[in-house]
Each structure stands twice: as C-alpha cells, then as structure tokens.
Amino acid sequence: MGLSLIVILCGCGWLTAVNAIPDYSGLPAGPYCAGRFNSGRCCSGRQDDCSAPILSTTCYCDDFCNRTREEDCCPDYWSHCKGISLPDDDLFGGNLR
C-alpha cells in the first residue's frame, strides 16, 4: 500500500508540473519582452507599463504577471526575463501541448 501511494503521488506531481507549463502554441512569433527590454532586465513587482501588445490584448513582462491561475506573462517572459528555458516538446514525446 505504501509503495502504491508513493507511485500515485509522484505521478500526480509530474502531471502538475506539465500542466504548469504555459501553452503558447498558436500565438504569433515575438519578440514581446525581448523587443522592449534588455535580457534579464524586465520589471520587478507590478508595473502596468511593463507590457507588450499581443493579438488584441496586452501581455506583461513584470514579476506580477506570474500569479497562480492569473498568468498573463508574455510568451517570452520566462526565457527573456528570467533566463529559464521551457522544455522542448520532444522531451515529453511531443505531447506537451
């Protein structure tokens, strides 16, 4: 029973991590944050003018955009502002999105 519970919890953790990765498929290629700010020099806290146009709305390049269930960060926020690369689809067998 204990081993089964560990396997289930590990599986749930992996699924949560995969679901936490934003899906930017279908969006026009940027640059968004990269077109407005030097690499790693995006805005701290909440700054409404720290943004970029995307489709018919606005995406943000400030730390406040990274909120649980309210994410409105630009597609290149993680790579450009934080220096974090999102995993390739190949890493998950093409089933990431």
N, C-alpha and C. Protein backbone atom coordinates (compact mmCIF):
# COMPACT_ATOMS: atom_id res chain seq x y z
N MET A 1 0.82 -1.19 0.00
CA MET A 1 0.00 0.00 0.00
C MET A 1 0.87 1.26 0.00
N GLY A 2 1.93 1.27 0.82
CA GLY A 2 2.80 2.45 0.90
C GLY A 2 3.47 2.76 -0.43
N LEU A 3 3.95 1.72 -1.12
CA LEU A 3 4.61 1.93 -2.40
C LEU A 3 3.62 2.44 -3.45
N SER A 4 2.41 1.91 -3.43
CA SER A 4 1.38 2.38 -4.37
C SER A 4 1.08 3.85 -4.16
N LEU A 5 1.00 4.26 -2.92
CA LEU A 5 0.72 5.66 -2.61
C LEU A 5 1.85 6.56 -3.11
N ILE A 6 3.08 6.13 -2.94
CA ILE A 6 4.22 6.91 -3.42
C ILE A 6 4.19 7.04 -4.94
N VAL A 7 3.88 5.95 -5.63
CA VAL A 7 3.81 5.98 -7.10
C VAL A 7 2.71 6.93 -7.55
N ILE A 8 1.57 6.89 -6.91
CA ILE A 8 0.45 7.77 -7.27
C ILE A 8 0.82 9.23 -7.03
N LEU A 9 1.42 9.53 -5.88
CA LEU A 9 1.80 10.91 -5.58
C LEU A 9 2.86 11.43 -6.54
N CYS A 10 3.82 10.60 -6.91
CA CYS A 10 4.84 11.02 -7.88
C CYS A 10 4.21 11.30 -9.24
N GLY A 11 3.28 10.46 -9.65
CA GLY A 11 2.58 10.66 -10.92
C GLY A 11 1.79 11.95 -10.92
N CYS A 12 1.13 12.25 -9.81
CA CYS A 12 0.36 13.50 -9.72
C CYS A 12 1.28 14.71 -9.76
N GLY A 13 2.42 14.60 -9.11
CA GLY A 13 3.38 15.71 -9.14
C GLY A 13 3.89 15.98 -10.54
N TRP A 14 4.16 14.92 -11.30
CA TRP A 14 4.63 15.09 -12.67
C TRP A 14 3.56 15.74 -13.53
N LEU A 15 2.32 15.30 -13.39
CA LEU A 15 1.23 15.89 -14.17
C LEU A 15 1.03 17.35 -13.82
N THR A 16 1.15 17.69 -12.55
CA THR A 16 1.02 19.08 -12.14
C THR A 16 2.12 19.93 -12.76
N ALA A 17 3.33 19.42 -12.78
CA ALA A 17 4.44 20.17 -13.38
C ALA A 17 4.22 20.39 -14.86
N VAL A 18 3.73 19.38 -15.57
CA VAL A 18 3.47 19.52 -17.00
C VAL A 18 2.34 20.50 -17.24
N ASN A 19 1.29 20.46 -16.43
CA ASN A 19 0.17 21.39 -16.60
C ASN A 19 0.55 22.82 -16.26
N ALA A 20 1.60 23.03 -15.47
CA ALA A 20 2.02 24.37 -15.09
C ALA A 20 2.78 25.07 -16.20
N ILE A 21 3.21 24.34 -17.20
CA ILE A 21 3.93 24.94 -18.31
C ILE A 21 2.93 25.60 -19.25
N PRO A 22 3.06 26.91 -19.47
CA PRO A 22 2.10 27.61 -20.33
C PRO A 22 2.10 27.07 -21.75
N ASP A 23 0.96 27.12 -22.38
CA ASP A 23 0.82 26.68 -23.77
C ASP A 23 0.73 27.91 -24.66
N TYR A 24 1.80 28.20 -25.37
CA TYR A 24 1.84 29.37 -26.24
C TYR A 24 1.69 28.99 -27.70
N SER A 25 1.27 27.77 -27.98
CA SER A 25 1.11 27.37 -29.37
C SER A 25 0.00 28.20 -30.01
N GLY A 26 0.18 28.52 -31.25
CA GLY A 26 -0.82 29.29 -31.97
C GLY A 26 -0.65 30.80 -31.87
N LEU A 27 0.28 31.26 -31.04
CA LEU A 27 0.50 32.71 -30.93
C LEU A 27 1.52 33.15 -31.96
N PRO A 28 1.40 34.39 -32.44
CA PRO A 28 2.40 34.88 -33.38
C PRO A 28 3.78 34.93 -32.73
N ALA A 29 4.80 34.70 -33.54
CA ALA A 29 6.17 34.75 -33.02
C ALA A 29 6.46 36.15 -32.49
N GLY A 30 7.18 36.23 -31.40
CA GLY A 30 7.52 37.52 -30.79
C GLY A 30 8.51 38.28 -31.66
N PRO A 31 9.29 39.13 -31.10
CA PRO A 31 9.55 39.23 -29.67
C PRO A 31 8.51 40.08 -28.96
N TYR A 32 8.30 39.75 -27.71
CA TYR A 32 7.40 40.52 -26.86
C TYR A 32 8.25 41.28 -25.84
N CYS A 33 8.62 40.64 -24.74
CA CYS A 33 9.51 41.29 -23.76
C CYS A 33 10.86 41.60 -24.39
N ALA A 34 11.36 40.70 -25.22
CA ALA A 34 12.68 40.88 -25.84
C ALA A 34 12.72 42.11 -26.75
N GLY A 35 11.58 42.52 -27.26
CA GLY A 35 11.53 43.68 -28.11
C GLY A 35 11.52 45.00 -27.34
N ARG A 36 11.31 44.93 -26.04
CA ARG A 36 11.19 46.15 -25.24
C ARG A 36 12.24 46.30 -24.14
N PHE A 37 12.79 45.18 -23.67
CA PHE A 37 13.68 45.23 -22.51
C PHE A 37 14.96 44.44 -22.78
N ASN A 38 16.07 44.89 -22.19
CA ASN A 38 17.32 44.13 -22.29
C ASN A 38 17.16 42.80 -21.59
N SER A 39 17.90 41.80 -22.03
CA SER A 39 17.81 40.46 -21.46
C SER A 39 18.03 40.48 -19.96
N GLY A 40 17.12 39.87 -19.24
CA GLY A 40 17.20 39.81 -17.79
C GLY A 40 16.87 41.11 -17.09
N ARG A 41 16.44 42.10 -17.82
CA ARG A 41 16.18 43.43 -17.26
C ARG A 41 14.71 43.80 -17.34
N CYS A 42 13.84 42.86 -17.15
CA CYS A 42 12.41 43.17 -17.15
C CYS A 42 12.06 43.83 -15.83
N CYS A 43 10.81 44.08 -15.58
CA CYS A 43 10.39 44.89 -14.44
C CYS A 43 10.10 44.06 -13.19
N SER A 44 10.43 44.62 -12.05
CA SER A 44 10.12 43.97 -10.77
C SER A 44 8.75 44.43 -10.29
N GLY A 45 8.14 43.62 -9.43
CA GLY A 45 6.85 43.98 -8.87
C GLY A 45 5.77 44.08 -9.94
N ARG A 46 4.82 45.00 -9.71
CA ARG A 46 3.74 45.22 -10.68
C ARG A 46 3.92 46.59 -11.32
N GLN A 47 4.08 46.57 -12.63
CA GLN A 47 4.21 47.81 -13.39
C GLN A 47 3.41 47.65 -14.67
N ASP A 48 2.26 48.29 -14.71
CA ASP A 48 1.35 48.13 -15.84
C ASP A 48 1.95 48.55 -17.18
N ASP A 49 2.90 49.47 -17.15
CA ASP A 49 3.51 49.90 -18.41
C ASP A 49 4.64 48.96 -18.85
N CYS A 50 4.91 47.94 -18.09
CA CYS A 50 5.91 46.93 -18.44
C CYS A 50 5.20 45.82 -19.20
N SER A 51 4.84 46.13 -20.44
CA SER A 51 3.97 45.24 -21.21
C SER A 51 4.33 45.30 -22.68
N ALA A 52 3.67 44.43 -23.43
CA ALA A 52 3.85 44.39 -24.88
C ALA A 52 2.51 44.00 -25.51
N PRO A 53 2.22 44.49 -26.70
CA PRO A 53 0.98 44.09 -27.37
C PRO A 53 1.07 42.65 -27.87
N ILE A 54 -0.05 41.94 -27.75
CA ILE A 54 -0.13 40.57 -28.26
C ILE A 54 -1.58 40.34 -28.71
N LEU A 55 -1.74 39.98 -29.96
CA LEU A 55 -3.07 39.83 -30.57
C LEU A 55 -3.86 41.09 -30.30
N SER A 56 -5.02 41.00 -29.68
CA SER A 56 -5.84 42.19 -29.43
C SER A 56 -5.81 42.59 -27.96
N THR A 57 -4.75 42.19 -27.24
CA THR A 57 -4.66 42.49 -25.81
C THR A 57 -3.22 42.84 -25.45
N THR A 58 -2.89 42.69 -24.19
CA THR A 58 -1.56 43.02 -23.68
C THR A 58 -1.02 41.87 -22.86
N CYS A 59 0.26 41.60 -23.01
CA CYS A 59 0.93 40.65 -22.11
C CYS A 59 1.96 41.44 -21.32
N TYR A 60 2.41 40.87 -20.21
CA TYR A 60 3.26 41.62 -19.29
C TYR A 60 4.64 41.00 -19.11
N CYS A 61 5.58 41.87 -18.78
CA CYS A 61 6.98 41.49 -18.59
C CYS A 61 7.44 41.83 -17.17
N ASP A 62 6.51 41.93 -16.23
CA ASP A 62 6.86 42.22 -14.84
C ASP A 62 6.65 40.98 -13.97
N ASP A 63 7.21 40.99 -12.78
CA ASP A 63 7.10 39.83 -11.89
C ASP A 63 5.66 39.51 -11.50
N PHE A 64 4.79 40.50 -11.51
CA PHE A 64 3.40 40.31 -11.10
C PHE A 64 2.62 39.42 -12.07
N CYS A 65 3.09 39.33 -13.30
CA CYS A 65 2.35 38.51 -14.28
C CYS A 65 2.36 37.04 -13.90
N ASN A 66 3.30 36.61 -13.09
CA ASN A 66 3.43 35.21 -12.69
C ASN A 66 2.63 34.96 -11.41
N ARG A 67 1.31 34.88 -11.55
CA ARG A 67 0.43 34.60 -10.41
C ARG A 67 -0.32 33.31 -10.69
N THR A 68 -0.65 32.60 -9.66
CA THR A 68 -1.39 31.36 -9.80
C THR A 68 -2.75 31.62 -10.43
N ARG A 69 -3.05 30.90 -11.50
CA ARG A 69 -4.32 30.94 -12.22
C ARG A 69 -4.64 32.30 -12.82
N GLU A 70 -3.72 33.24 -12.81
CA GLU A 70 -3.95 34.56 -13.39
C GLU A 70 -2.80 34.97 -14.29
N GLU A 71 -2.11 33.99 -14.83
CA GLU A 71 -0.90 34.29 -15.57
C GLU A 71 -1.21 35.06 -16.85
N ASP A 72 -0.59 36.22 -16.99
CA ASP A 72 -0.73 37.00 -18.22
C ASP A 72 0.65 37.47 -18.69
N CYS A 73 1.65 36.62 -18.43
CA CYS A 73 3.01 36.92 -18.89
C CYS A 73 3.09 36.77 -20.41
N CYS A 74 3.99 37.52 -21.00
CA CYS A 74 4.27 37.36 -22.43
C CYS A 74 4.91 35.99 -22.67
N PRO A 75 4.75 35.45 -23.87
CA PRO A 75 5.32 34.14 -24.16
C PRO A 75 6.83 34.04 -23.93
N ASP A 76 7.55 35.14 -24.10
CA ASP A 76 9.00 35.08 -23.89
C ASP A 76 9.43 35.58 -22.51
N TYR A 77 8.48 35.74 -21.59
CA TYR A 77 8.80 36.21 -20.23
C TYR A 77 9.81 35.30 -19.55
N TRP A 78 9.54 34.00 -19.53
CA TRP A 78 10.41 33.07 -18.80
C TRP A 78 11.80 33.00 -19.43
N SER A 79 11.86 32.92 -20.74
CA SER A 79 13.17 32.80 -21.38
C SER A 79 13.93 34.12 -21.37
N HIS A 80 13.26 35.22 -21.67
CA HIS A 80 13.94 36.50 -21.79
C HIS A 80 14.18 37.18 -20.43
N CYS A 81 13.15 37.25 -19.62
CA CYS A 81 13.26 37.98 -18.35
C CYS A 81 13.92 37.17 -17.24
N LYS A 82 13.65 35.88 -17.21
CA LYS A 82 14.15 35.05 -16.11
C LYS A 82 15.28 34.11 -16.52
N GLY A 83 15.53 33.99 -17.82
CA GLY A 83 16.60 33.11 -18.29
C GLY A 83 16.29 31.63 -18.13
N ILE A 84 15.00 31.28 -18.09
CA ILE A 84 14.57 29.89 -17.92
C ILE A 84 14.04 29.39 -19.24
N SER A 85 14.60 28.31 -19.74
CA SER A 85 14.14 27.72 -20.99
C SER A 85 13.02 26.73 -20.72
N LEU A 86 11.96 26.81 -21.50
CA LEU A 86 10.89 25.83 -21.41
C LEU A 86 11.35 24.56 -22.09
N PRO A 87 10.92 23.39 -21.60
CA PRO A 87 11.34 22.14 -22.22
C PRO A 87 10.80 22.01 -23.64
N ASP A 88 11.55 21.32 -24.48
CA ASP A 88 11.11 21.05 -25.84
C ASP A 88 9.99 20.02 -25.80
N ASP A 89 9.13 20.05 -26.81
CA ASP A 89 8.07 19.04 -26.93
C ASP A 89 8.66 17.64 -26.99
N ASP A 90 9.84 17.51 -27.62
CA ASP A 90 10.46 16.20 -27.76
C ASP A 90 10.77 15.56 -26.42
N LEU A 91 11.02 16.38 -25.40
CA LEU A 91 11.32 15.86 -24.08
C LEU A 91 10.17 15.02 -23.54
N PHE A 92 8.95 15.38 -23.91
CA PHE A 92 7.76 14.67 -23.44
C PHE A 92 7.10 13.88 -24.56
N GLY A 93 7.84 13.53 -25.57
CA GLY A 93 7.30 12.73 -26.66
C GLY A 93 6.33 13.49 -27.54
N GLY A 94 6.43 14.81 -27.58
CA GLY A 94 5.55 15.62 -28.43
C GLY A 94 4.17 15.82 -27.85
N ASN A 95 3.94 15.41 -26.62
CA ASN A 95 2.61 15.52 -26.00
C ASN A 95 2.51 16.65 -25.00
N LEU A 96 3.44 17.58 -25.03
CA LEU A 96 3.44 18.66 -24.06
C LEU A 96 2.26 19.58 -24.24
N ARG A 97 1.90 19.85 -25.46
CA ARG A 97 0.81 20.80 -25.70
C ARG A 97 -0.41 20.09 -26.12
